[in-house]
Protein backbone atom coordinates (compact mmCIF):
# COMPACT_ATOMS: atom_id res chain seq x y z
CA MET A 1 109.75 -22.68 106.59
CA ALA A 2 107.10 -20.15 107.05
CA LYS A 3 106.42 -18.48 110.00
CA PRO A 4 102.99 -20.19 111.95
CA THR A 5 100.14 -18.15 112.15
CA LEU A 6 97.16 -18.50 113.17
CA PRO A 7 93.30 -16.97 111.06
CA GLN A 8 92.95 -13.59 112.03
CA GLY A 9 90.15 -12.96 115.12
CA THR A 10 91.01 -16.64 116.46
CA ARG A 11 93.05 -17.89 118.93
CA ASP A 12 94.80 -20.97 121.42
CA PHE A 13 93.61 -21.30 124.49
CA SER A 14 96.63 -21.96 127.26
CA PRO A 15 96.23 -23.53 130.18
CA ASP A 16 95.87 -21.23 132.58
CA THR A 17 92.87 -19.47 129.91
CA VAL A 18 91.08 -22.71 129.50
CA ARG A 19 90.58 -23.64 133.42
CA LYS A 20 89.43 -19.84 133.99
CA ARG A 21 87.04 -20.69 130.72
CA ASN A 22 85.82 -23.45 132.20
CA PHE A 23 85.42 -22.08 135.58
CA ILE A 24 82.95 -19.47 133.84
CA LEU A 25 81.05 -22.53 132.27
CA SER A 26 80.50 -24.32 134.87
CA THR A 27 79.47 -21.78 137.06
CA VAL A 28 76.82 -20.53 134.21
CA LYS A 29 75.80 -24.14 133.40
CA ASN A 30 75.32 -24.66 137.08
CA VAL A 31 72.67 -21.95 137.45
CA PHE A 32 71.55 -22.71 133.89
CA GLY A 33 70.68 -26.46 135.75
CA LEU A 34 69.33 -24.81 138.56
CA TYR A 35 66.42 -23.25 136.59
CA GLY A 36 65.80 -27.05 135.35
CA PHE A 37 67.59 -26.88 131.53
CA GLN A 38 69.05 -29.49 130.13
CA PRO A 39 72.03 -30.26 128.03
CA LEU A 40 72.04 -29.71 124.19
CA GLU A 41 74.93 -29.80 121.25
CA THR A 42 74.28 -29.60 117.42
CA PRO A 43 76.66 -30.06 114.22
CA ALA A 44 79.22 -27.02 113.65
CA MET A 45 78.17 -26.83 110.75
CA GLU A 46 74.67 -26.32 109.21
CA ASN A 47 73.23 -26.36 106.04
CA LEU A 48 73.24 -22.34 104.15
CA GLU A 49 69.99 -22.50 103.69
CA THR A 50 68.77 -23.15 107.37
CA LEU A 51 70.97 -20.05 107.98
CA MET A 52 70.49 -17.88 105.13
CA GLY A 53 68.09 -14.86 105.89
CA LYS A 54 67.34 -15.84 109.64
CA TYR A 55 69.86 -12.61 110.70
CA GLY A 56 68.64 -9.80 108.71
CA GLU A 57 71.02 -8.51 105.60
CA GLU A 58 73.75 -7.52 107.88
CA GLY A 59 74.17 -11.43 109.66
CA ASP A 60 74.05 -12.72 106.01
CA LYS A 61 77.40 -11.34 105.39
CA LEU A 62 79.18 -12.39 108.20
CA ILE A 63 78.49 -16.12 107.57
CA PHE A 64 81.31 -18.42 107.09
CA ARG A 65 80.29 -20.60 104.05
CA VAL A 66 81.85 -23.67 103.51
CA LEU A 67 82.92 -25.09 100.16
CA ASN A 68 82.01 -28.01 99.19
CA ASN A 69 84.10 -31.92 98.45
CA GLY A 70 85.71 -32.81 95.71
CA LEU A 71 86.25 -29.53 94.35
CA ASN A 72 89.93 -31.14 93.17
CA ASP A 73 87.55 -33.20 90.84
CA PRO A 74 88.71 -32.97 86.49
CA LYS A 75 84.78 -33.62 86.49
CA ASN A 76 84.11 -30.57 88.43
CA ILE A 77 86.96 -28.02 87.50
CA GLU A 78 84.36 -26.38 84.79
CA LYS A 79 81.19 -26.29 87.35
CA SER A 80 83.64 -25.19 90.40
CA ARG A 81 84.23 -22.19 88.43
CA ALA A 82 80.89 -21.41 87.25
CA ALA A 83 79.85 -21.92 90.51
CA PHE A 84 82.67 -19.54 92.29
CA GLU A 85 82.27 -16.75 89.44
CA ASN A 86 78.23 -16.81 90.59
CA THR A 87 79.77 -16.27 94.53
CA LEU A 88 81.33 -12.86 93.36
CA GLN A 89 78.75 -11.49 91.63
CA GLY A 90 76.81 -12.23 95.56
CA LYS A 91 74.88 -14.91 94.00
CA ASN A 92 75.25 -18.75 96.39
CA ASP A 93 75.88 -21.91 94.41
CA ALA A 94 74.98 -25.01 95.48
CA ASN A 95 77.71 -25.68 93.68
CA LEU A 96 80.57 -24.15 95.03
CA THR A 97 78.69 -23.89 98.47
CA SER A 98 75.30 -25.82 100.20
CA ARG A 99 76.90 -25.42 103.98
CA ALA A 100 78.17 -23.26 106.64
CA LEU A 101 79.44 -22.61 109.88
CA ARG A 102 76.84 -22.14 112.64
CA TYR A 103 76.48 -18.91 112.90
CA ASP A 104 74.37 -18.49 116.36
CA LEU A 105 72.84 -21.37 118.56
CA THR A 106 69.49 -19.70 118.21
CA ILE A 107 68.79 -20.98 114.92
CA PRO A 108 70.41 -24.74 115.06
CA PHE A 109 68.15 -24.84 118.00
CA ALA A 110 64.94 -24.30 116.47
CA ARG A 111 66.13 -26.63 113.45
CA TYR A 112 66.44 -29.34 115.87
CA VAL A 113 63.04 -28.45 117.28
CA ALA A 114 61.37 -28.79 114.33
CA MET A 115 62.43 -31.89 113.21
CA ASN A 116 62.25 -33.60 116.75
CA HIS A 117 59.03 -31.69 118.14
CA GLY A 118 57.41 -34.44 118.27
CA GLN A 119 59.01 -36.23 121.00
CA LEU A 120 60.01 -33.63 123.12
CA VAL A 121 58.67 -32.89 126.71
CA TYR A 122 57.21 -28.50 126.77
CA PRO A 123 57.93 -26.49 126.92
CA PHE A 124 61.41 -28.08 126.46
CA LYS A 125 64.46 -25.72 128.54
CA ARG A 126 67.85 -26.93 126.84
CA TYR A 127 70.69 -25.34 127.58
CA GLN A 128 73.80 -25.42 125.23
CA VAL A 129 77.78 -24.03 125.26
CA GLN A 130 79.71 -24.43 122.24
CA PRO A 131 81.49 -22.45 119.41
CA VAL A 132 80.23 -20.20 116.76
CA TRP A 133 81.68 -18.46 113.34
CA ARG A 134 81.23 -14.89 111.64
CA ALA A 135 83.41 -13.74 109.36
CA ASP A 136 83.49 -9.66 111.64
CA ARG A 137 85.91 -7.16 111.57
CA PRO A 138 88.08 -9.29 114.79
CA GLN A 139 89.00 -5.52 117.63
CA LYS A 140 88.39 -5.58 120.97
CA GLY A 141 86.49 -8.26 122.10
CA ARG A 142 85.08 -9.57 119.23
CA TYR A 143 86.77 -12.69 117.19
CA ARG A 144 86.06 -14.73 114.43
CA GLU A 145 85.60 -17.81 116.67
CA PHE A 146 83.85 -17.87 119.87
CA TYR A 147 81.80 -20.16 122.34
CA GLN A 148 78.36 -18.65 123.56
CA CYS A 149 76.48 -20.55 126.06
CA ASP A 150 72.56 -20.01 124.93
CA ALA A 151 69.19 -21.04 127.62
CA ASP A 152 66.38 -21.39 125.21
CA VAL A 153 62.62 -22.11 126.30
CA VAL A 154 60.33 -23.58 123.77
CA GLY A 155 56.57 -24.56 124.38
CA SER A 156 55.65 -21.56 126.19
CA THR A 157 54.32 -18.49 125.72
CA SER A 158 54.39 -17.39 129.61
CA LEU A 159 56.03 -14.23 130.46
CA MET A 160 57.83 -16.16 133.63
CA ASN A 161 60.02 -17.65 131.74
CA GLU A 162 61.29 -14.17 130.95
CA VAL A 163 61.54 -14.24 134.77
CA ASP A 164 63.37 -16.37 134.52
CA LEU A 165 65.90 -15.67 132.39
CA ALA A 166 66.25 -12.39 132.97
CA MET A 167 67.15 -13.98 136.85
CA ILE A 168 69.22 -16.61 135.35
CA TYR A 169 72.13 -13.27 134.05
CA HIS A 170 71.47 -12.19 137.53
CA ASP A 171 72.72 -15.09 139.50
CA ALA A 172 75.31 -16.04 137.10
CA PHE A 173 76.87 -12.82 136.83
CA THR A 174 76.13 -12.34 140.90
CA ALA A 175 78.77 -15.85 140.91
CA LEU A 176 80.80 -14.26 138.92
CA LYS A 177 81.15 -11.14 140.64
CA ILE A 178 80.62 -9.07 138.04
CA ASP A 179 79.64 -5.73 139.75
CA GLY A 180 78.15 -3.18 138.07
CA TYR A 181 77.17 -5.18 135.24
CA GLU A 182 74.11 -4.08 133.43
CA LEU A 183 70.01 -6.11 132.40
CA ARG A 184 68.69 -3.55 129.09
CA VAL A 185 65.49 -4.72 128.27
CA ASN A 186 62.79 -3.62 125.63
CA SER A 187 60.07 -4.83 123.47
CA ARG A 188 59.99 -5.52 120.11
CA LYS A 189 55.74 -4.72 120.16
CA ILE A 190 57.05 -1.40 121.57
CA LEU A 191 59.77 -0.63 118.32
CA ALA A 192 56.99 -2.60 116.47
CA GLY A 193 54.11 -0.15 117.31
CA LEU A 194 56.94 3.14 117.54
CA SER A 195 56.87 1.88 113.11
CA GLU A 196 53.08 2.37 113.56
CA HIS A 197 52.84 4.96 114.82
CA ILE A 198 54.97 6.92 111.81
CA ASN A 199 52.51 5.24 109.42
CA ALA A 200 56.13 2.75 108.34
CA LYS A 201 54.78 -0.69 110.28
CA GLU A 202 55.84 -2.50 106.17
CA ARG A 203 59.13 -1.20 107.39
CA LEU A 204 59.62 -2.13 110.52
CA GLU A 205 63.13 -4.42 109.80
CA GLU A 206 64.78 -1.39 108.00
CA MET A 207 63.69 0.84 110.94
CA THR A 208 64.87 -1.28 113.62
CA ILE A 209 68.21 -2.13 111.57
CA VAL A 210 69.03 1.40 112.02
CA ILE A 211 68.50 2.15 115.06
CA ASP A 212 70.23 -1.36 117.07
CA LYS A 213 73.71 0.85 115.41
CA LEU A 214 73.16 4.00 118.00
CA ASP A 215 76.03 2.56 120.35
CA LYS A 216 78.22 2.80 117.27
CA ILE A 217 77.58 6.21 115.88
CA GLY A 218 75.66 8.32 117.47
CA HIS A 219 71.96 9.63 117.53
CA ASP A 220 73.09 11.92 114.25
CA LYS A 221 74.60 9.17 112.31
CA VAL A 222 71.39 7.93 112.33
CA PHE A 223 69.28 9.90 111.78
CA GLU A 224 71.21 10.41 108.75
CA GLU A 225 70.21 7.10 107.88
CA LEU A 226 67.62 7.47 108.47
CA SER A 227 67.35 10.16 106.00
CA ARG A 228 68.53 8.57 103.06
CA LYS A 229 66.82 5.21 103.42
CA GLY A 230 63.67 7.44 102.65
CA PHE A 231 62.34 8.15 106.15
CA THR A 232 60.57 11.44 105.93
CA GLU A 233 61.76 14.59 108.18
CA TRP A 234 58.56 14.12 110.84
CA GLN A 235 59.10 9.79 110.89
CA VAL A 236 62.92 10.91 111.60
CA LYS A 237 61.48 13.40 113.75
CA GLN A 238 59.21 11.35 116.06
CA ILE A 239 61.46 8.12 115.89
CA GLY A 240 64.09 11.07 117.64
CA THR A 241 61.47 11.56 120.54
CA TYR A 242 61.87 8.38 120.88
CA LEU A 243 65.23 7.39 121.35
CA ASN A 244 65.71 10.50 123.63
CA ILE A 245 63.80 8.77 126.29
CA GLY A 246 66.65 7.45 126.06
CA VAL A 247 68.25 4.89 129.78
CA LYS A 248 68.99 7.51 132.13
CA ASN A 249 65.35 8.14 133.99
CA GLN A 250 64.44 6.05 136.18
CA ASN A 251 62.44 2.44 134.00
CA GLU A 252 58.67 4.37 135.44
CA GLU A 253 59.60 7.72 134.15
CA LYS A 254 60.16 5.93 131.00
CA LEU A 255 57.59 3.95 130.28
CA SER A 256 54.99 6.63 131.16
CA LEU A 257 57.06 8.73 128.60
CA VAL A 258 56.30 6.24 126.51
CA LYS A 259 53.26 5.64 127.19
CA GLU A 260 52.46 9.47 126.35
CA LEU A 261 54.87 9.12 122.90
CA LEU A 262 53.13 5.68 121.75
CA GLY A 263 50.03 5.71 123.23
CA ASP A 264 47.61 5.43 120.18
CA THR A 265 49.01 1.82 119.35
CA GLY A 266 47.68 -1.06 120.84
CA THR A 267 50.63 -3.03 120.02
CA ALA A 268 52.59 -0.86 121.67
CA LYS A 269 50.40 -1.11 125.12
CA LYS A 270 51.37 -5.08 124.91
CA GLY A 271 55.13 -4.60 124.91
CA ILE A 272 54.38 -1.83 127.06
CA ALA A 273 52.13 -4.82 129.28
CA GLU A 274 55.72 -6.78 129.39
CA LEU A 275 58.25 -4.50 130.55
CA GLU A 276 55.68 -3.97 133.47
CA PHE A 277 54.93 -7.49 134.27
CA ILE A 278 58.90 -8.69 133.89
CA LEU A 279 59.24 -5.45 136.34
CA ASP A 280 56.87 -6.30 139.47
CA LYS A 281 58.36 -9.74 138.99
CA VAL A 282 61.44 -9.15 139.41
CA LYS A 283 61.42 -6.35 142.41
CA GLY A 284 63.21 -6.70 145.70
CA LYS A 285 65.83 -9.04 143.63
CA ASN A 286 68.66 -6.59 143.94
CA ILE A 287 68.58 -7.55 140.14
CA ASN A 288 70.38 -4.38 137.87
CA LEU A 289 67.52 -4.26 135.29
CA VAL A 290 66.98 -1.60 132.79
CA VAL A 291 64.63 -0.66 130.40
CA ASP A 292 66.02 0.71 127.68
CA PHE A 293 63.65 2.02 124.48
CA THR A 294 67.13 2.38 122.05
CA LEU A 295 67.80 -1.35 122.80
CA ALA A 296 66.31 -2.72 119.17
CA ARG A 297 68.80 -6.06 118.44
CA GLY A 298 68.80 -6.31 114.81
CA LEU A 299 67.69 -9.75 114.10
CA ASN A 300 64.20 -10.07 112.47
CA TYR A 301 63.43 -13.28 114.29
CA TYR A 302 62.49 -11.45 117.55
CA THR A 303 58.49 -10.78 118.03
CA GLY A 304 58.73 -10.03 121.79
CA ILE A 305 60.91 -9.32 124.81
CA ILE A 306 64.22 -8.65 124.12
CA PHE A 307 67.15 -8.06 126.05
CA GLU A 308 71.17 -6.80 126.53
CA ALA A 309 73.61 -7.97 129.14
CA LYS A 310 76.43 -4.93 129.21
CA ALA A 311 79.62 -5.51 131.01
CA PRO A 312 80.38 -2.72 134.23
CA ALA A 313 80.99 0.10 132.18
CA SER A 314 85.00 0.60 133.77
CA VAL A 315 85.78 -2.15 131.52
CA GLN A 316 84.38 -0.18 128.54
CA ILE A 317 83.39 -3.70 126.26
CA GLY A 318 80.14 -3.76 125.80
CA SER A 319 77.71 -6.27 125.44
CA ILE A 320 78.43 -9.51 127.59
CA GLY A 321 75.00 -11.35 126.29
CA GLY A 322 71.58 -10.60 124.43
CA GLY A 323 68.22 -12.42 123.26
CA GLY A 324 64.44 -12.55 123.65
CA ARG A 325 61.39 -13.91 122.55
CA TYR A 326 60.73 -15.32 118.84
CA ASP A 327 57.50 -16.94 118.87
CA ASP A 328 57.36 -18.57 115.67
CA LEU A 329 60.79 -19.37 114.08
CA THR A 330 60.46 -23.05 114.35
CA GLY A 331 57.76 -22.16 111.76
CA LEU A 332 60.87 -21.50 109.51
CA PHE A 333 61.48 -24.72 109.35
CA GLY A 334 58.09 -26.11 108.34
CA VAL A 335 56.27 -26.82 111.91
CA PRO A 336 54.29 -23.35 113.32
CA ASN A 337 53.13 -22.09 116.33
CA ILE A 338 55.92 -23.54 118.75
CA PRO A 339 56.10 -19.78 120.57
CA GLY A 340 59.97 -19.82 122.31
CA VAL A 341 62.07 -16.96 124.07
CA GLY A 342 66.39 -17.20 124.65
CA ILE A 343 68.65 -15.48 125.84
CA SER A 344 73.48 -16.05 125.38
CA PHE A 345 76.21 -15.74 127.52
CA GLY A 346 79.09 -14.19 125.09
CA VAL A 347 81.94 -16.18 127.13
CA ASP A 348 84.86 -14.94 125.36
CA ARG A 349 83.79 -11.16 126.34
CA ILE A 350 82.79 -12.43 129.87
CA TYR A 351 86.50 -13.88 130.21
CA ASP A 352 87.95 -10.36 128.86
CA VAL A 353 86.09 -8.64 131.85
CA MET A 354 86.65 -11.39 134.56
CA GLU A 355 90.84 -10.71 133.23
CA GLU A 356 90.64 -7.36 133.22
CA MET A 357 88.74 -6.73 136.66
CA ALA A 358 91.12 -8.82 137.79
CA ILE A 359 87.98 -11.30 139.51
CA PHE A 360 88.90 -14.96 138.74
CA PRO A 361 89.62 -17.18 141.86
CA THR A 362 93.39 -17.41 142.70
CA SER A 363 92.33 -21.20 143.02
CA LEU A 364 92.39 -20.92 139.15
CA ASP A 365 96.32 -20.47 138.69
CA ILE A 366 97.05 -23.87 140.91
CA SER A 367 97.07 -26.91 138.17
CA THR A 368 98.66 -29.48 140.91
CA THR A 369 98.64 -29.80 144.00
CA VAL A 370 101.31 -32.27 144.84
CA LEU A 371 105.17 -32.85 143.02
CA PHE A 372 106.84 -35.62 144.43
CA PHE A 373 110.33 -34.89 143.42
CA ASN A 374 112.28 -37.56 141.29
CA GLU A 375 115.42 -39.33 143.81
CA GLY A 376 115.80 -42.31 142.55
CA GLU A 377 113.97 -46.12 141.69
CA GLU A 378 114.09 -46.76 144.88
CA GLN A 379 112.04 -44.28 146.31
CA LEU A 380 109.62 -44.14 142.94
CA LYS A 381 107.82 -47.10 144.16
CA PHE A 382 106.52 -46.21 147.74
CA VAL A 383 105.93 -42.17 146.28
CA PHE A 384 103.88 -43.84 143.43
CA GLU A 385 101.38 -45.28 146.20
CA ILE A 386 101.42 -42.71 148.10
CA ALA A 387 100.47 -40.64 144.64
CA GLY A 388 98.06 -42.85 143.57
CA SER A 389 96.21 -42.52 147.19
CA LEU A 390 96.26 -39.39 147.25
CA ARG A 391 94.40 -38.92 143.15
CA LYS A 392 91.41 -42.11 144.71
CA LYS A 393 91.16 -38.96 147.63
CA ASN A 394 91.19 -36.09 144.79
CA ILE A 395 93.37 -34.34 145.72
CA SER A 396 96.03 -34.06 141.68
CA CYS A 397 99.73 -35.56 141.85
CA GLU A 398 102.52 -35.03 140.05
CA ILE A 399 105.56 -37.33 139.79
CA TYR A 400 108.65 -35.55 137.87
CA PRO A 401 109.45 -37.92 135.36
CA ASP A 402 113.33 -37.65 135.27
CA GLN A 403 115.99 -37.87 138.36
CA ASP A 404 117.06 -34.12 137.46
CA LYS A 405 119.06 -32.17 140.03
CA GLU A 406 116.63 -30.81 142.94
CA GLU A 407 116.80 -27.79 141.51
CA LYS A 408 115.55 -28.02 138.31
CA GLN A 409 112.19 -30.07 139.18
CA PHE A 410 111.80 -27.04 142.43
CA LYS A 411 111.63 -24.55 138.94
CA TYR A 412 109.35 -26.61 137.71
CA ALA A 413 107.25 -26.30 140.96
CA VAL A 414 107.25 -23.03 140.48
CA ARG A 415 106.82 -21.93 137.14
CA LYS A 416 103.78 -24.44 136.94
CA ARG A 417 102.63 -22.91 140.67
CA ILE A 418 102.39 -26.27 142.31
CA GLN A 419 101.55 -25.72 145.54
CA PHE A 420 103.15 -28.16 147.17
CA ILE A 421 106.49 -30.41 146.66
CA PHE A 422 107.61 -33.54 148.48
CA SER A 423 111.45 -34.25 149.06
CA SER A 424 113.64 -36.35 151.00
CA ASP A 425 117.07 -34.88 153.00
CA LEU A 426 119.66 -37.88 154.37
CA GLY A 427 116.43 -39.89 155.00
CA ASN A 428 113.73 -37.68 156.29
CA TYR A 429 110.83 -36.43 154.05
CA LYS A 430 109.42 -32.91 153.95
CA LEU A 431 106.52 -32.23 152.59
CA LYS A 432 106.73 -27.81 151.41
CA ASN A 433 103.83 -25.96 150.53
CA LEU A 434 105.66 -23.11 148.71
CA VAL A 435 102.67 -20.54 148.76
CA THR A 436 103.20 -19.91 152.52
CA SER A 437 106.55 -21.35 152.55
CA GLU A 438 106.13 -23.22 155.50
CA SER A 439 107.66 -27.63 155.59
CA PHE A 440 106.16 -30.14 157.84
CA ASN A 441 108.76 -32.80 158.25
CA PHE A 442 108.66 -36.48 158.11
CA THR A 443 110.47 -39.20 159.13
CA ALA A 444 111.38 -42.71 157.30
CA SER A 445 109.33 -44.74 159.42
CA GLU A 446 106.10 -42.24 159.26
CA VAL A 447 106.30 -42.31 155.40
CA HIS A 448 105.79 -45.97 155.40
CA THR A 449 102.73 -46.20 157.68
CA GLU A 450 98.99 -47.10 156.28
CA THR A 451 98.28 -43.60 158.38
CA PHE A 452 100.49 -41.79 156.05
CA THR A 453 98.90 -40.36 152.92
CA GLY A 454 95.67 -39.27 155.61
CA LYS A 455 98.93 -37.31 157.29
CA ILE A 456 99.35 -35.07 154.04
CA GLU A 457 96.18 -35.50 152.93
CA SER A 458 95.24 -33.57 156.29
CA ILE A 459 98.06 -31.26 155.90
CA ILE A 460 96.46 -30.20 152.04
CA SER A 461 92.60 -29.85 153.63
CA SER A 462 93.71 -27.29 155.95
CA HIS A 463 96.11 -24.99 153.61
CA LYS A 464 93.71 -24.90 151.04
């Protein structure tokens, strides 16, 4: 029998992990709700044509295609063989696959808006928490199946939406106690201005895809790749001047330098004005907002402000979120002129950051509050009643199912990190706090009173 394994880039999640992930999700969802966002879900699969061509050439390569049903039907064998040959040659054939697992939550959301635009109340603000899939090379902090948390606003061009999204990042990371994060911000209009400045307006996407690799391959490799792609020596030098503004200077100084470099283009001026508006609105909010002109986010649907949330440098995980403005994304689906802006939280990377920083609340380790020892049929009846009463008061309880030795039941409580155990000894009863080793003793007459549940509740509440 083959040893059981998992597909590369996927994981099982233990109860402890799920509790911690749920803590992240509930924290972020709560912040979304505070800013007026509503929940939404879309299918795991989308039609392939919905996804293809929306993420750039590199992104299209990472889309997981889903084989069509019925490929084992004898009638379809020859058709499937031909379709597979086409696929090997880089041509998609609908006879083999016409659907794919979603790559992110943004394009499915745009498709949803396009299909329901007549029924929505604008501006429409939604959040979405679901898994996505990418055929990427697995490595630390990068998986093939992972969750995203998105928040998007469509139907408004106001930069106040960007301000709100920046504050959502700040409020969520503050609530999660991720100190030292950076929220980097740029505008695609500034990048467009750079392409105009070097007389390569039509090559904006090609240029930003290369710039987006800067963190991974460094300046020299970026310049080499630009040269290989046919950018002239002067163009590469101008791009280098732009990139060397870097992230080390203060925001105001960086804006001054980019004005000096790109001040001859109206597009760049608009992008600079956007950044100045956002910086002004968040002033005094203690948000760690860093203007970063190297930030490109190589997805060709962004049109304005772009964000990237970076993990604290001490954990070396990199990006834990990102997003930006996409003023005509629904136009890809035949419904133009619905502006939008959104951000995404990388839940799995945030989990890794919090685990490495050891900042998850210790209370998440406790799965059950009280374990009642099973000491025979005679006691099970009243123990069952007490447990039921505590559950009605939102206190989690378990009754050990088998009448095993007390040592075995005790080990179960310890291994499961249960906080309290309830047992009897020679007609007396004991509630013991396994965290503090403190014990509370009761007589049989006390246990069988109507007020006993209230006594246990009071003890538990005082020890949280």
